[in-house]
Amino acid sequence: MNATRQPAATMLAARIHAYGGPAVIRHEEVPVPVPAPGEVLVEVAATSFNPSELALRAGWLRDVLPLDLPYVPGWDLAGTVVTTGERVIGRLDAGGTAAPYVSVAPGLLVPAPRSLPLTAAAAIPVAGLTAWQALFEAAGIGPGSRILINGAGGGVGAFAVQLARWAGATVVATASPRSALAVRRYGARRVIDHTAGPLSTALEGEPLDAVLNLAPIAPEAAAALPALLGPGGVAVSVATPIPGGIHLVARQDTGQLARLVELVDAGDLEVAPAAVRPLADLADVHAEAEAGTLVRGKTVLVPDASRRASL
């Protein structure tokens, strides 16, 4: 790639003008951002969908995460710095990656994995950081730990199972039958069909050191999870809160993100998005996620290449 080429003056970006259903996501012609002092312009190769973006778009989080409308969604970034040609990934909590270009402080970026195409690398930042912080900061797992990962078939679950295995833990996971093979491949010692009956029966009374909940579940199901823990065990959730447990809201951390990249390049962490779709499908992806028909795992979204500058 020619690192000195100039982008076009405008681009086609996804934007939200008001809180509401998936239909509030529009694709509009907007100016390519001009980097502020201390920022760089990144050509976006891909972003990815995160379920928490549904609540953000609908306005359910407006009291804690109000949007400056119109808003360009997208937290995951994989792309190329326009001035240098460097391949990078990052988590942008301010959004903006659902577009062909984004302006960003370089301190939020780390070199992308050498062993992955950028399209796949877009699946790493939000899901990978969530799994890392849930396992190692909140749950404190390590060699010999026994952990249940509830809802392991999703995007965070793929990272959580692999990272727990890499750390030397024994992983018991719940997943749907359609996700079970992938979860076993990622390193789960045992996969339980979450529709088959009570977890306490399936686990046969063997105590756990940690429970990590990644799924929206009924409050009564969440309340039953701490009973699966042994003495000193820890319950962590990134979805439905667990009574007496830790409710994790993951954060940006470039040191941890760089460590995830190292694990990918070392062959210790597989990254395989479940689907790659054009950014123009973003509203459909939101609708499918709300209807429960979106493919499990990470859905990566690729901006329209025709709206970029010519090589």
Protein backbone atom coordinates (compact mmCIF):
# COMPACT_ATOMS: atom_id res chain seq x y z
CA MET A 1 0.00 0.00 0.00
CA ASN A 2 1.16 3.53 -0.79
CA ALA A 3 1.24 5.17 2.64
CA THR A 4 1.31 8.72 1.26
CA ARG A 5 -1.89 8.57 -0.81
CA GLN A 6 -4.69 10.95 0.14
CA PRO A 7 -8.21 9.78 0.99
CA ALA A 8 -11.24 11.06 -0.84
CA ALA A 9 -12.97 14.15 0.55
CA THR A 10 -16.10 12.26 1.59
CA MET A 11 -17.05 8.78 2.71
CA LEU A 12 -20.17 6.67 3.34
CA ALA A 13 -20.55 6.16 7.10
CA ALA A 14 -23.19 4.60 9.33
CA ARG A 15 -24.81 7.23 11.55
CA ILE A 16 -27.48 7.38 14.23
CA HIS A 17 -29.50 10.61 14.46
CA ALA A 18 -31.91 9.54 17.21
CA TYR A 19 -32.39 6.73 19.70
CA GLY A 20 -34.64 3.94 18.50
CA GLY A 21 -34.84 0.66 16.62
CA PRO A 22 -32.43 -0.63 13.97
CA ALA A 23 -34.00 1.62 11.35
CA VAL A 24 -32.38 4.70 12.96
CA ILE A 25 -29.05 3.53 11.52
CA ARG A 26 -28.51 5.39 8.24
CA HIS A 27 -25.67 5.30 5.73
CA GLU A 28 -24.77 8.85 4.73
CA GLU A 29 -22.21 10.82 2.80
CA VAL A 30 -20.05 12.68 5.32
CA PRO A 31 -16.64 14.38 5.19
CA VAL A 32 -13.60 12.25 5.84
CA PRO A 33 -12.42 13.30 9.33
CA VAL A 34 -9.49 15.68 9.62
CA PRO A 35 -7.17 14.53 12.43
CA ALA A 36 -6.93 16.91 15.36
CA PRO A 37 -3.46 17.72 16.68
CA GLY A 38 -1.97 14.55 18.12
CA GLU A 39 -4.29 12.25 16.13
CA VAL A 40 -3.81 10.08 13.06
CA LEU A 41 -6.19 9.12 10.28
CA VAL A 42 -6.81 5.38 10.01
CA GLU A 43 -8.30 3.71 6.96
CA VAL A 44 -10.75 1.21 8.43
CA ALA A 45 -10.42 -2.33 7.09
CA ALA A 46 -13.16 -3.64 9.36
CA THR A 47 -15.08 -3.13 12.57
CA SER A 48 -17.29 -5.64 14.37
CA PHE A 49 -20.68 -5.85 16.05
CA ASN A 50 -21.01 -6.06 19.84
CA PRO A 51 -24.35 -6.90 21.50
CA SER A 52 -24.04 -3.98 23.94
CA GLU A 53 -24.40 -1.65 20.95
CA LEU A 54 -28.09 -2.58 20.83
CA ALA A 55 -28.70 -0.94 24.19
CA LEU A 56 -26.59 2.05 23.21
CA ARG A 57 -28.57 2.59 20.00
CA ALA A 58 -31.93 2.09 21.70
CA GLY A 59 -31.13 4.69 24.37
CA TRP A 60 -31.20 2.32 27.32
CA LEU A 61 -27.75 3.53 28.36
CA ARG A 62 -28.32 7.24 27.77
CA ASP A 63 -28.03 8.07 31.50
CA VAL A 64 -24.52 6.59 31.71
CA LEU A 65 -23.35 6.70 28.08
CA PRO A 66 -25.20 9.53 26.34
CA LEU A 67 -24.54 9.85 22.62
CA ASP A 68 -23.51 13.06 20.90
CA LEU A 69 -25.92 12.80 17.96
CA PRO A 70 -25.48 12.23 15.08
CA TYR A 71 -23.26 9.39 16.16
CA VAL A 72 -21.08 7.02 14.14
CA PRO A 73 -21.16 3.64 15.94
CA GLY A 74 -18.41 1.05 16.14
CA TRP A 75 -15.87 0.37 18.90
CA ASP A 76 -13.65 -2.27 17.27
CA LEU A 77 -11.05 -1.02 14.82
CA ALA A 78 -8.69 -2.79 12.45
CA GLY A 79 -7.07 -0.71 9.77
CA THR A 80 -4.06 1.11 8.39
CA VAL A 81 -2.58 4.45 9.45
CA VAL A 82 -2.82 6.57 6.30
CA THR A 83 0.47 8.45 6.74
CA THR A 84 2.65 5.45 7.60
CA GLY A 85 0.91 2.34 6.30
CA GLU A 86 1.13 0.70 9.75
CA ARG A 87 -1.47 -2.01 10.38
CA VAL A 88 -3.20 -1.39 13.70
CA ILE A 89 -6.08 -2.46 15.91
CA GLY A 90 -7.77 -0.66 18.76
CA ARG A 91 -10.82 -0.24 20.93
CA LEU A 92 -12.44 3.18 20.48
CA ASP A 93 -14.91 3.80 23.29
CA ALA A 94 -16.04 7.01 21.60
CA GLY A 95 -17.19 5.00 18.56
CA GLY A 96 -16.60 6.07 15.00
CA THR A 97 -15.33 2.89 13.33
CA ALA A 98 -18.46 2.14 11.28
CA ALA A 99 -16.97 4.20 8.47
CA PRO A 100 -14.14 3.96 5.93
CA TYR A 101 -11.92 6.35 7.94
CA VAL A 102 -11.60 7.38 11.58
CA SER A 103 -9.37 9.89 13.34
CA VAL A 104 -7.83 8.52 16.53
CA ALA A 105 -5.14 9.19 19.11
CA PRO A 106 -2.26 6.80 18.37
CA GLY A 107 -2.05 5.90 22.05
CA LEU A 108 -5.26 3.91 21.61
CA LEU A 109 -3.73 1.71 18.92
CA VAL A 110 -1.43 -1.32 18.93
CA PRO A 111 0.21 -3.14 16.00
CA ALA A 112 -2.16 -5.63 14.41
CA PRO A 113 -1.35 -9.36 14.44
CA ARG A 114 1.04 -10.30 11.66
CA SER A 115 -0.62 -13.69 11.25
CA LEU A 116 -4.16 -12.45 10.59
CA PRO A 117 -5.86 -10.45 7.88
CA LEU A 118 -7.17 -7.16 9.24
CA THR A 119 -10.73 -8.31 8.61
CA ALA A 120 -10.31 -11.05 11.21
CA ALA A 121 -8.31 -8.83 13.58
CA ALA A 122 -11.34 -6.55 13.96
CA ALA A 123 -12.91 -9.24 16.14
CA ILE A 124 -10.25 -8.91 18.84
CA PRO A 125 -10.41 -5.60 20.76
CA VAL A 126 -13.74 -5.48 22.63
CA ALA A 127 -14.34 -9.22 22.97
CA GLY A 128 -10.71 -10.07 23.72
CA LEU A 129 -10.33 -7.38 26.38
CA THR A 130 -13.63 -8.38 27.98
CA ALA A 131 -12.52 -11.99 28.26
CA TRP A 132 -9.06 -11.07 29.57
CA GLN A 133 -10.35 -8.74 32.28
CA ALA A 134 -13.14 -11.10 33.33
CA LEU A 135 -10.80 -14.07 33.71
CA PHE A 136 -7.61 -12.57 35.09
CA GLU A 137 -8.68 -9.40 36.89
CA ALA A 138 -12.16 -10.24 38.16
CA ALA A 139 -12.08 -14.05 38.52
CA GLY A 140 -8.34 -14.36 39.15
CA ILE A 141 -8.00 -17.74 37.47
CA GLY A 142 -4.68 -19.49 36.96
CA PRO A 143 -3.13 -22.96 36.69
CA GLY A 144 -5.38 -25.56 38.26
CA SER A 145 -8.48 -23.35 38.45
CA ARG A 146 -11.80 -24.90 37.53
CA ILE A 147 -14.13 -22.48 35.77
CA LEU A 148 -17.60 -22.64 34.29
CA ILE A 149 -18.11 -20.33 31.30
CA ASN A 150 -21.82 -19.89 30.76
CA GLY A 151 -22.71 -18.89 27.21
CA ALA A 152 -19.36 -19.83 25.69
CA GLY A 153 -20.59 -19.94 22.09
CA GLY A 154 -20.49 -16.18 21.53
CA GLY A 155 -17.72 -13.79 20.57
CA VAL A 156 -16.42 -13.23 24.11
CA GLY A 157 -16.79 -16.92 24.89
CA ALA A 158 -14.41 -17.94 22.11
CA PHE A 159 -11.69 -15.81 23.68
CA ALA A 160 -12.59 -16.75 27.26
CA VAL A 161 -12.39 -20.51 26.69
CA GLN A 162 -9.05 -20.23 24.89
CA LEU A 163 -7.51 -17.84 27.40
CA ALA A 164 -8.64 -19.95 30.36
CA ARG A 165 -7.12 -23.04 28.75
CA TRP A 166 -3.90 -21.12 27.99
CA ALA A 167 -3.73 -20.08 31.67
CA GLY A 168 -3.87 -23.71 32.78
CA ALA A 169 -7.48 -23.78 33.96
CA THR A 170 -9.96 -26.58 33.42
CA VAL A 171 -12.90 -25.21 31.48
CA VAL A 172 -16.46 -26.44 31.70
CA ALA A 173 -18.67 -24.55 29.29
CA THR A 174 -22.31 -24.22 28.41
CA ALA A 175 -23.23 -23.74 24.77
CA SER A 176 -25.96 -24.57 22.32
CA PRO A 177 -25.59 -27.72 20.22
CA ARG A 178 -24.65 -25.61 17.18
CA SER A 179 -21.71 -24.07 19.09
CA ALA A 180 -20.54 -27.14 20.99
CA LEU A 181 -17.95 -28.36 18.47
CA ALA A 182 -16.25 -24.96 18.27
CA VAL A 183 -16.22 -24.58 22.06
CA ARG A 184 -14.57 -27.99 22.44
CA ARG A 185 -12.00 -27.06 19.80
CA TYR A 186 -11.19 -23.91 21.76
CA GLY A 187 -10.27 -26.05 24.78
CA ALA A 188 -13.31 -26.74 26.94
CA ARG A 189 -12.85 -30.00 28.81
CA ARG A 190 -16.61 -30.47 28.88
CA VAL A 191 -19.49 -28.75 27.06
CA ILE A 192 -22.97 -28.79 28.59
CA ASP A 193 -26.10 -28.15 26.55
CA HIS A 194 -27.64 -25.21 28.41
CA THR A 195 -31.13 -26.37 27.41
CA ALA A 196 -30.72 -29.87 28.87
CA GLY A 197 -31.49 -29.15 32.51
CA PRO A 198 -30.15 -27.58 35.73
CA LEU A 199 -26.40 -26.93 35.77
CA SER A 200 -26.14 -28.22 39.32
CA THR A 201 -27.27 -31.64 38.10
CA ALA A 202 -24.92 -31.63 35.11
CA LEU A 203 -21.93 -30.67 37.26
CA GLU A 204 -22.65 -33.48 39.74
CA GLY A 205 -21.78 -31.36 42.73
CA GLU A 206 -18.15 -30.72 41.76
CA PRO A 207 -17.29 -27.24 43.14
CA LEU A 208 -15.91 -24.52 40.89
CA ASP A 209 -13.32 -21.85 41.54
CA ALA A 210 -15.05 -19.39 39.22
CA VAL A 211 -18.19 -18.88 37.19
CA LEU A 212 -18.17 -16.51 34.23
CA ASN A 213 -21.57 -15.62 32.81
CA LEU A 214 -21.59 -14.24 29.27
CA ALA A 215 -25.28 -14.71 28.46
CA PRO A 216 -28.49 -12.79 29.13
CA ILE A 217 -30.28 -15.22 31.44
CA ALA A 218 -33.32 -15.16 33.70
CA PRO A 219 -32.73 -13.61 37.14
CA GLU A 220 -33.51 -16.92 38.83
CA ALA A 221 -30.86 -18.66 36.72
CA ALA A 222 -28.32 -15.98 37.64
CA ALA A 223 -29.21 -16.37 41.32
CA ALA A 224 -28.49 -20.10 41.13
CA LEU A 225 -24.92 -19.72 39.81
CA PRO A 226 -23.15 -18.88 43.10
CA ALA A 227 -24.30 -22.22 44.54
CA LEU A 228 -21.99 -23.93 42.02
CA LEU A 229 -18.90 -22.35 43.61
CA GLY A 230 -16.62 -23.91 46.14
CA PRO A 231 -15.21 -22.02 49.16
CA GLY A 232 -13.63 -18.74 48.03
CA GLY A 233 -15.07 -19.08 44.53
CA VAL A 234 -15.84 -16.00 42.44
CA ALA A 235 -18.84 -15.29 40.21
CA VAL A 236 -18.38 -12.78 37.37
CA SER A 237 -20.87 -11.61 34.76
CA VAL A 238 -20.66 -9.34 31.75
CA ALA A 239 -24.38 -9.80 31.07
CA THR A 240 -27.18 -10.51 33.58
CA PRO A 241 -25.82 -9.61 37.05
CA ILE A 242 -25.15 -12.44 39.49
CA PRO A 243 -26.26 -11.74 43.09
CA GLY A 244 -23.16 -11.27 45.22
CA GLY A 245 -20.93 -11.50 42.17
CA ILE A 246 -18.86 -9.06 40.13
CA HIS A 247 -20.53 -7.27 37.24
CA LEU A 248 -17.77 -6.44 34.79
CA VAL A 249 -17.74 -3.50 32.41
CA ALA A 250 -14.60 -3.95 30.32
CA ARG A 251 -12.30 -1.03 29.59
CA GLN A 252 -9.69 0.00 27.07
CA ASP A 253 -6.21 -1.32 27.88
CA THR A 254 -3.56 -1.24 25.16
CA GLY A 255 -1.13 -3.30 27.22
CA GLN A 256 -3.60 -6.16 27.43
CA LEU A 257 -4.55 -5.72 23.78
CA ALA A 258 -0.90 -6.00 22.77
CA ARG A 259 -0.64 -9.19 24.86
CA LEU A 260 -3.63 -10.64 23.00
CA VAL A 261 -1.91 -9.86 19.70
CA GLU A 262 1.20 -11.69 20.91
CA LEU A 263 -0.89 -14.76 21.76
CA VAL A 264 -2.51 -14.69 18.33
CA ASP A 265 0.85 -14.51 16.57
CA ALA A 266 2.24 -17.27 18.80
CA GLY A 267 -0.59 -19.57 17.78
CA ASP A 268 -2.09 -19.69 21.28
CA LEU A 269 -5.26 -17.80 20.37
CA GLU A 270 -7.46 -18.52 17.37
CA VAL A 271 -9.52 -15.68 15.88
CA ALA A 272 -12.22 -16.81 13.49
CA PRO A 273 -15.14 -14.43 12.97
CA ALA A 274 -18.41 -16.24 12.42
CA ALA A 275 -19.45 -13.91 9.62
CA VAL A 276 -18.03 -11.08 7.49
CA ARG A 277 -20.61 -8.68 6.09
CA PRO A 278 -20.66 -5.28 4.40
CA LEU A 279 -21.08 -2.28 6.65
CA ALA A 280 -24.29 -1.52 4.72
CA ASP A 281 -25.81 -4.51 6.57
CA LEU A 282 -25.36 -2.91 10.01
CA ALA A 283 -29.06 -2.17 10.57
CA ASP A 284 -29.90 -5.74 9.51
CA VAL A 285 -27.29 -7.09 11.93
CA HIS A 286 -28.91 -5.13 14.78
CA ALA A 287 -32.35 -6.42 13.80
CA GLU A 288 -31.15 -10.01 13.59
CA ALA A 289 -29.43 -9.73 16.97
CA GLU A 290 -32.61 -8.44 18.57
CA ALA A 291 -34.63 -11.23 16.97
CA GLY A 292 -32.13 -13.89 18.08
CA THR A 293 -31.36 -14.94 14.50
CA LEU A 294 -27.86 -13.48 14.17
CA VAL A 295 -25.15 -16.09 13.68
CA ARG A 296 -23.31 -16.92 16.92
CA GLY A 297 -19.80 -15.57 17.42
CA LYS A 298 -18.37 -12.32 16.10
CA THR A 299 -19.84 -10.59 13.07
CA VAL A 300 -17.29 -8.42 11.30
CA LEU A 301 -18.37 -5.48 9.14
CA VAL A 302 -16.36 -4.16 6.20
CA PRO A 303 -16.78 -0.60 4.84
CA ASP A 304 -17.52 -0.06 1.16
CA ALA A 305 -14.12 -0.17 -0.53
CA SER A 306 -15.44 1.82 -3.49
CA ARG A 307 -15.68 4.87 -1.26
CA ARG A 308 -11.94 4.94 -0.56
CA ALA A 309 -9.28 6.85 -2.45
CA SER A 310 -7.71 5.11 -5.41
CA LEU A 311 -4.46 3.23 -4.81
